């Protein structure tokens, strides 16, 4: 095999190896970006400002969106 062809094949092999490495890194970065969002930290001031239910039969309709009312314990 002529030297020129050998050089081209070597260069092609190296390029394929680098491409595979780059694709692997991109896949890892995409998985990290798609990771489930973390819960936000507890906000003490917000918790203190949320009104308490008026009675134990509260069905949660007066609770702020996303807040766990008494029905969440069931």
N, C-alpha and C. Protein backbone atom coordinates (compact mmCIF):
# COMPACT_ATOMS: atom_id res chain seq x y z
N UNK A 1 0.86 -1.17 0.00
CA UNK A 1 0.00 0.00 0.00
C UNK A 1 0.90 1.24 0.00
N UNK A 2 0.63 2.14 -0.91
CA UNK A 2 1.45 3.36 -0.99
C UNK A 2 1.34 4.20 0.29
N UNK A 3 2.36 4.96 0.53
CA UNK A 3 2.45 5.79 1.73
C UNK A 3 1.29 6.79 1.78
N UNK A 4 0.93 7.35 0.65
CA UNK A 4 -0.14 8.33 0.61
C UNK A 4 -1.47 7.72 1.10
N UNK A 5 -1.78 6.50 0.59
CA UNK A 5 -3.02 5.84 1.01
C UNK A 5 -2.99 5.51 2.51
N UNK A 6 -1.85 5.06 2.98
CA UNK A 6 -1.70 4.74 4.40
C UNK A 6 -1.92 5.98 5.26
N UNK A 7 -1.39 7.10 4.80
CA UNK A 7 -1.56 8.36 5.53
C UNK A 7 -3.03 8.77 5.57
N UNK A 8 -3.71 8.62 4.44
CA UNK A 8 -5.14 8.96 4.39
C UNK A 8 -5.96 8.07 5.33
N UNK A 9 -5.66 6.78 5.33
CA UNK A 9 -6.39 5.85 6.19
C UNK A 9 -6.13 6.17 7.66
N UNK A 10 -4.88 6.47 7.99
CA UNK A 10 -4.54 6.84 9.37
C UNK A 10 -5.27 8.10 9.78
N UNK A 11 -5.29 9.09 8.90
CA UNK A 11 -5.99 10.34 9.18
C UNK A 11 -7.50 10.10 9.34
N UNK A 12 -8.06 9.26 8.48
CA UNK A 12 -9.49 8.94 8.57
C UNK A 12 -9.80 8.23 9.90
N UNK A 13 -8.97 7.29 10.29
CA UNK A 13 -9.17 6.58 11.56
C UNK A 13 -9.13 7.55 12.74
N UNK A 14 -8.16 8.45 12.73
CA UNK A 14 -8.03 9.45 13.80
C UNK A 14 -9.25 10.37 13.83
N UNK A 15 -9.71 10.78 12.67
CA UNK A 15 -10.88 11.66 12.58
C UNK A 15 -12.13 10.95 13.12
N UNK A 16 -12.31 9.68 12.76
CA UNK A 16 -13.45 8.92 13.27
C UNK A 16 -13.39 8.78 14.79
N UNK A 17 -12.21 8.53 15.33
CA UNK A 17 -12.04 8.40 16.78
C UNK A 17 -12.42 9.70 17.48
N UNK A 18 -11.94 10.83 16.95
CA UNK A 18 -12.26 12.13 17.54
C UNK A 18 -13.75 12.43 17.45
N UNK A 19 -14.37 12.07 16.34
CA UNK A 19 -15.80 12.29 16.16
C UNK A 19 -16.59 11.49 17.20
N UNK A 20 -16.22 10.24 17.42
CA UNK A 20 -16.89 9.41 18.42
C UNK A 20 -16.74 10.00 19.82
N UNK A 21 -15.55 10.51 20.14
CA UNK A 21 -15.33 11.15 21.44
C UNK A 21 -16.23 12.37 21.60
N UNK A 22 -16.30 13.18 20.56
CA UNK A 22 -17.12 14.40 20.61
C UNK A 22 -18.59 14.04 20.75
N UNK A 23 -19.06 13.05 20.01
CA UNK A 23 -20.45 12.62 20.12
C UNK A 23 -20.75 12.11 21.52
N UNK A 24 -19.82 11.39 22.12
CA UNK A 24 -20.00 10.89 23.48
C UNK A 24 -20.12 12.02 24.48
N UNK A 25 -19.30 13.05 24.33
CA UNK A 25 -19.38 14.20 25.23
C UNK A 25 -20.69 14.95 25.04
N UNK A 26 -21.12 15.11 23.79
CA UNK A 26 -22.38 15.80 23.52
C UNK A 26 -23.56 15.04 24.13
N UNK A 27 -23.53 13.72 24.04
CA UNK A 27 -24.60 12.91 24.62
C UNK A 27 -24.63 13.10 26.13
N UNK A 28 -23.47 13.11 26.77
CA UNK A 28 -23.40 13.30 28.22
C UNK A 28 -23.94 14.67 28.60
N UNK A 29 -23.58 15.71 27.86
CA UNK A 29 -24.07 17.06 28.15
C UNK A 29 -25.58 17.14 27.99
N UNK A 30 -26.13 16.48 26.97
CA UNK A 30 -27.58 16.49 26.76
C UNK A 30 -28.29 15.80 27.91
N UNK A 31 -27.73 14.71 28.41
CA UNK A 31 -28.35 14.00 29.53
C UNK A 31 -28.33 14.88 30.77
N UNK A 32 -27.26 15.63 30.99
CA UNK A 32 -27.19 16.52 32.14
C UNK A 32 -28.20 17.65 32.02
N UNK A 33 -28.40 18.16 30.81
CA UNK A 33 -29.37 19.24 30.60
C UNK A 33 -30.79 18.75 30.81
N UNK A 34 -31.06 17.48 30.47
CA UNK A 34 -32.41 16.93 30.58
C UNK A 34 -32.69 16.36 31.97
N UNK A 35 -31.75 16.48 32.88
CA UNK A 35 -31.96 15.93 34.22
C UNK A 35 -33.18 16.58 34.87
N UNK A 36 -33.82 15.83 35.75
CA UNK A 36 -35.02 16.33 36.42
C UNK A 36 -34.67 17.57 37.25
N UNK A 37 -35.53 18.57 37.20
CA UNK A 37 -35.26 19.77 37.99
C UNK A 37 -35.32 19.47 39.48
N UNK A 38 -34.46 20.12 40.21
CA UNK A 38 -34.42 19.95 41.65
C UNK A 38 -35.51 20.78 42.30
N UNK A 39 -35.99 20.29 43.46
CA UNK A 39 -36.99 21.07 44.19
C UNK A 39 -36.34 22.36 44.68
N UNK A 40 -37.14 23.41 44.69
CA UNK A 40 -36.61 24.67 45.19
C UNK A 40 -36.44 24.58 46.70
N UNK A 41 -35.57 25.41 47.21
CA UNK A 41 -35.31 25.40 48.65
C UNK A 41 -36.53 25.90 49.41
N UNK A 42 -36.64 25.48 50.65
CA UNK A 42 -37.74 25.89 51.51
C UNK A 42 -37.65 27.38 51.77
N UNK A 43 -38.73 28.08 51.51
CA UNK A 43 -38.79 29.52 51.73
C UNK A 43 -39.59 29.78 53.00
N UNK A 44 -38.88 30.08 54.08
CA UNK A 44 -39.53 30.25 55.38
C UNK A 44 -40.52 31.41 55.35
N UNK A 45 -40.15 32.52 54.71
CA UNK A 45 -41.05 33.68 54.66
C UNK A 45 -42.34 33.34 53.92
N UNK A 46 -42.23 32.61 52.82
CA UNK A 46 -43.42 32.23 52.08
C UNK A 46 -44.29 31.29 52.91
N UNK A 47 -43.66 30.36 53.60
CA UNK A 47 -44.42 29.41 54.42
C UNK A 47 -45.16 30.13 55.55
N UNK A 48 -44.55 31.14 56.11
CA UNK A 48 -45.20 31.87 57.20
C UNK A 48 -46.35 32.73 56.70
N UNK A 49 -46.34 33.11 55.43
CA UNK A 49 -47.40 33.98 54.91
C UNK A 49 -48.60 33.20 54.37
N UNK A 50 -48.48 31.88 54.23
CA UNK A 50 -49.59 31.07 53.73
C UNK A 50 -50.62 30.92 54.85
N UNK A 51 -51.88 31.22 54.57
CA UNK A 51 -52.90 31.10 55.62
C UNK A 51 -53.16 29.64 55.98
N UNK A 52 -53.42 29.41 57.25
CA UNK A 52 -53.75 28.07 57.71
C UNK A 52 -55.21 27.79 57.38
N UNK A 53 -55.58 26.53 57.22
CA UNK A 53 -56.98 26.21 56.95
C UNK A 53 -57.84 26.59 58.15
N UNK A 54 -59.08 26.96 57.86
CA UNK A 54 -59.98 27.38 58.94
C UNK A 54 -60.49 26.20 59.74
N UNK A 55 -60.58 25.02 59.14
CA UNK A 55 -61.00 23.83 59.88
C UNK A 55 -60.37 22.59 59.25
N UNK A 56 -60.56 21.44 59.89
CA UNK A 56 -59.95 20.20 59.42
C UNK A 56 -60.59 19.67 58.15
N UNK A 57 -61.78 20.15 57.81
CA UNK A 57 -62.49 19.68 56.63
C UNK A 57 -62.14 20.48 55.38
N UNK A 58 -61.17 21.35 55.48
CA UNK A 58 -60.78 22.19 54.34
C UNK A 58 -60.40 21.29 53.16
N UNK A 59 -61.02 21.53 52.02
CA UNK A 59 -60.74 20.69 50.85
C UNK A 59 -59.57 21.19 50.02
N UNK A 60 -58.90 22.23 50.44
CA UNK A 60 -57.71 22.72 49.75
C UNK A 60 -57.98 23.73 48.67
N UNK A 61 -59.24 24.10 48.43
CA UNK A 61 -59.51 25.03 47.34
C UNK A 61 -59.00 26.44 47.63
N UNK A 62 -58.71 26.75 48.88
CA UNK A 62 -58.18 28.07 49.23
C UNK A 62 -56.66 28.08 49.34
N UNK A 63 -56.04 26.93 49.12
CA UNK A 63 -54.59 26.85 49.23
C UNK A 63 -53.96 27.39 47.95
N UNK A 64 -52.78 28.01 48.07
CA UNK A 64 -52.08 28.50 46.87
C UNK A 64 -51.73 27.32 45.96
N UNK A 65 -51.62 27.61 44.66
CA UNK A 65 -51.28 26.58 43.69
C UNK A 65 -49.97 25.90 44.09
N UNK A 66 -49.97 24.59 44.08
CA UNK A 66 -48.76 23.83 44.38
C UNK A 66 -48.56 23.56 45.86
N UNK A 67 -49.35 24.19 46.73
CA UNK A 67 -49.20 23.95 48.17
C UNK A 67 -49.92 22.66 48.53
N UNK A 68 -49.36 21.91 49.46
CA UNK A 68 -49.99 20.68 49.91
C UNK A 68 -50.96 20.99 51.04
N UNK A 69 -52.21 20.75 50.80
CA UNK A 69 -53.23 20.94 51.82
C UNK A 69 -53.43 19.67 52.60
N UNK A 70 -54.42 19.64 53.48
CA UNK A 70 -54.68 18.46 54.30
C UNK A 70 -54.98 17.22 53.47
N UNK A 71 -55.54 17.39 52.28
CA UNK A 71 -55.87 16.22 51.45
C UNK A 71 -54.62 15.48 50.98
N UNK A 72 -53.47 16.12 51.00
CA UNK A 72 -52.23 15.48 50.55
C UNK A 72 -51.78 14.41 51.53
N UNK A 73 -52.26 14.45 52.77
CA UNK A 73 -51.85 13.49 53.79
C UNK A 73 -52.57 12.16 53.63
N UNK A 74 -53.65 12.15 52.88
CA UNK A 74 -54.47 10.94 52.76
C UNK A 74 -53.82 9.92 51.88
